């Protein structure tokens, strides 16, 4: 699958090849968990370039899916990280040492 990411500095698209559906109908990106695309920035509502994608060139017109390299979310991907038991455990340890210990 070809992904096109707009490069604001060079005013053209950077092309990436990565995994994705091979059909002709792209559909639409799924909104982040618990969020609507209403009021989202283009970067928040766009497809994400897979981490395994590699840059293959650039040009003035987009090819494939117009995408973004990051979620442009001030919290990052915190919602998916909070489902990880190791992350929850680390948060618990930090909270205990900061607020739970009594002198």
C-alpha atoms as a PDB file:
ATOM      1  CA  UNK A   1       0.000   0.000   0.000  1.00  0.00           C
ATOM      2  CA  UNK A   2       1.280   3.468  -0.843  1.00  0.00           C
ATOM      3  CA  UNK A   3       0.887   6.247   1.735  1.00  0.00           C
ATOM      4  CA  UNK A   4       1.399   9.957   1.033  1.00  0.00           C
ATOM      5  CA  UNK A   5       2.389  12.326   3.844  1.00  0.00           C
ATOM      6  CA  UNK A   6       2.358  16.057   3.142  1.00  0.00           C
ATOM      7  CA  UNK A   7       5.697  17.701   3.917  1.00  0.00           C
ATOM      8  CA  UNK A   8       4.900  21.299   4.881  1.00  0.00           C
ATOM      9  CA  UNK A   9       8.533  22.432   4.612  1.00  0.00           C
ATOM     10  CA  UNK A  10       9.029  21.225   1.034  1.00  0.00           C
ATOM     11  CA  UNK A  11       5.374  21.679  -0.035  1.00  0.00           C
ATOM     12  CA  UNK A  12       5.077  18.233  -1.544  1.00  0.00           C
ATOM     13  CA  UNK A  13       4.170  14.681  -0.545  1.00  0.00           C
ATOM     14  CA  UNK A  14       6.591  12.075   0.798  1.00  0.00           C
ATOM     15  CA  UNK A  15       5.675   8.566  -0.353  1.00  0.00           C
ATOM     16  CA  UNK A  16       5.892   5.481   1.858  1.00  0.00           C
ATOM     17  CA  UNK A  17       5.303   1.823   1.006  1.00  0.00           C
ATOM     18  CA  UNK A  18       3.937  -0.316   3.794  1.00  0.00           C
ATOM     19  CA  UNK A  19       1.433  -2.995   4.700  1.00  0.00           C
ATOM     20  CA  UNK A  20      -2.241  -2.367   4.090  1.00  0.00           C
ATOM     21  CA  UNK A  21      -5.215  -3.457   2.027  1.00  0.00           C
ATOM     22  CA  UNK A  22      -4.544  -3.916  -1.685  1.00  0.00           C
ATOM     23  CA  UNK A  23      -8.069  -3.185  -2.940  1.00  0.00           C
ATOM     24  CA  UNK A  24      -9.180  -0.106  -4.833  1.00  0.00           C
ATOM     25  CA  UNK A  25     -11.567   1.157  -2.136  1.00  0.00           C
ATOM     26  CA  UNK A  26      -9.720   2.796   0.739  1.00  0.00           C
ATOM     27  CA  UNK A  27     -12.650   3.307   3.103  1.00  0.00           C
ATOM     28  CA  UNK A  28     -12.048   5.766   5.899  1.00  0.00           C
ATOM     29  CA  UNK A  29      -9.778   5.769   8.945  1.00  0.00           C
ATOM     30  CA  UNK A  30     -11.253   4.530  12.201  1.00  0.00           C
ATOM     31  CA  UNK A  31     -11.548   7.289  14.813  1.00  0.00           C
ATOM     32  CA  UNK A  32      -9.458   7.015  17.955  1.00  0.00           C
ATOM     33  CA  UNK A  33     -11.129   5.091  20.755  1.00  0.00           C
ATOM     34  CA  UNK A  34     -13.884   7.138  22.372  1.00  0.00           C
ATOM     35  CA  UNK A  35     -13.504  10.033  19.965  1.00  0.00           C
ATOM     36  CA  UNK A  36     -15.404  11.479  17.072  1.00  0.00           C
ATOM     37  CA  UNK A  37     -13.767  12.855  13.946  1.00  0.00           C
ATOM     38  CA  UNK A  38     -15.944  15.939  14.316  1.00  0.00           C
ATOM     39  CA  UNK A  39     -13.588  18.821  15.090  1.00  0.00           C
ATOM     40  CA  UNK A  40     -10.453  16.739  14.574  1.00  0.00           C
ATOM     41  CA  UNK A  41      -7.416  18.195  12.837  1.00  0.00           C
ATOM     42  CA  UNK A  42      -6.450  16.604   9.503  1.00  0.00           C
ATOM     43  CA  UNK A  43      -3.565  14.815  11.236  1.00  0.00           C
ATOM     44  CA  UNK A  44      -5.885  13.372  13.902  1.00  0.00           C
ATOM     45  CA  UNK A  45      -8.415  12.126  11.344  1.00  0.00           C
ATOM     46  CA  UNK A  46      -5.971  10.762   8.740  1.00  0.00           C
ATOM     47  CA  UNK A  47      -4.638   7.270   8.151  1.00  0.00           C
ATOM     48  CA  UNK A  48      -1.473   6.452  10.077  1.00  0.00           C
ATOM     49  CA  UNK A  49       1.629   5.312   8.214  1.00  0.00           C
ATOM     50  CA  UNK A  50       2.560   1.863   9.609  1.00  0.00           C
ATOM     51  CA  UNK A  51       5.781   1.719  11.605  1.00  0.00           C
ATOM     52  CA  UNK A  52       7.247  -0.789   9.139  1.00  0.00           C
ATOM     53  CA  UNK A  53       6.691   1.455   6.095  1.00  0.00           C
ATOM     54  CA  UNK A  54       9.722   2.755   4.228  1.00  0.00           C
ATOM     55  CA  UNK A  55      10.104   6.045   2.365  1.00  0.00           C
ATOM     56  CA  UNK A  56      10.257   5.548  -1.402  1.00  0.00           C
ATOM     57  CA  UNK A  57      10.183   9.052  -2.863  1.00  0.00           C
ATOM     58  CA  UNK A  58       8.272  12.317  -3.088  1.00  0.00           C
ATOM     59  CA  UNK A  59       6.154  14.310  -5.505  1.00  0.00           C
ATOM     60  CA  UNK A  60       3.621  17.080  -5.926  1.00  0.00           C
ATOM     61  CA  UNK A  61       0.524  14.830  -6.087  1.00  0.00           C
ATOM     62  CA  UNK A  62      -0.569  12.302  -3.448  1.00  0.00           C
ATOM     63  CA  UNK A  63      -0.498   8.583  -4.206  1.00  0.00           C
ATOM     64  CA  UNK A  64      -2.515   5.927  -2.376  1.00  0.00           C
ATOM     65  CA  UNK A  65      -3.805   6.958   1.020  1.00  0.00           C
ATOM     66  CA  UNK A  66      -3.149  10.456   2.303  1.00  0.00           C
ATOM     67  CA  UNK A  67      -1.747   9.788   5.758  1.00  0.00           C
ATOM     68  CA  UNK A  68       0.228  11.169   8.668  1.00  0.00           C
ATOM     69  CA  UNK A  69       3.308   9.927  10.494  1.00  0.00           C
ATOM     70  CA  UNK A  70       1.960  10.840  13.932  1.00  0.00           C
ATOM     71  CA  UNK A  71      -1.363  11.135  15.673  1.00  0.00           C
ATOM     72  CA  UNK A  72      -0.753  14.793  16.576  1.00  0.00           C
ATOM     73  CA  UNK A  73      -2.460  14.023  19.872  1.00  0.00           C
ATOM     74  CA  UNK A  74      -1.284  15.941  22.946  1.00  0.00           C
ATOM     75  CA  UNK A  75      -1.581  12.761  25.026  1.00  0.00           C
ATOM     76  CA  UNK A  76       0.088  10.622  22.389  1.00  0.00           C
ATOM     77  CA  UNK A  77      -1.250   7.075  22.244  1.00  0.00           C
ATOM     78  CA  UNK A  78      -1.959   7.053  25.966  1.00  0.00           C
ATOM     79  CA  UNK A  79      -5.352   5.370  25.659  1.00  0.00           C
ATOM     80  CA  UNK A  80      -3.872   2.206  24.158  1.00  0.00           C
ATOM     81  CA  UNK A  81      -0.935   2.235  26.584  1.00  0.00           C
ATOM     82  CA  UNK A  82      -3.255   2.272  29.599  1.00  0.00           C
ATOM     83  CA  UNK A  83      -4.507  -1.195  28.659  1.00  0.00           C
ATOM     84  CA  UNK A  84      -0.981  -2.593  29.170  1.00  0.00           C
ATOM     85  CA  UNK A  85      -0.663  -4.159  32.666  1.00  0.00           C
ATOM     86  CA  UNK A  86       3.041  -3.198  32.896  1.00  0.00           C
ATOM     87  CA  UNK A  87       2.203   0.454  32.315  1.00  0.00           C
ATOM     88  CA  UNK A  88      -0.567   0.321  34.915  1.00  0.00           C
ATOM     89  CA  UNK A  89       1.823  -1.303  37.392  1.00  0.00           C
ATOM     90  CA  UNK A  90       4.476   1.352  36.785  1.00  0.00           C
ATOM     91  CA  UNK A  91       1.908   4.107  37.304  1.00  0.00           C
ATOM     92  CA  UNK A  92       0.837   2.446  40.548  1.00  0.00           C
ATOM     93  CA  UNK A  93       4.432   2.279  41.832  1.00  0.00           C
ATOM     94  CA  UNK A  94       5.043   5.943  40.991  1.00  0.00           C
ATOM     95  CA  UNK A  95       1.816   7.013  42.701  1.00  0.00           C
ATOM     96  CA  UNK A  96       2.645   4.928  45.773  1.00  0.00           C
ATOM     97  CA  UNK A  97       6.109   6.457  46.154  1.00  0.00           C
ATOM     98  CA  UNK A  98       4.872   9.984  45.484  1.00  0.00           C
ATOM     99  CA  UNK A  99       1.653  10.020  47.494  1.00  0.00           C
ATOM    100  CA  UNK A 100       1.125   6.738  49.354  1.00  0.00           C
ATOM    101  CA  UNK A 101       4.093   6.593  51.685  1.00  0.00           C
ATOM    102  CA  UNK A 102       3.725   8.198  55.085  1.00  0.00           C
ATOM    103  CA  UNK A 103       6.692   9.339  57.121  1.00  0.00           C
END
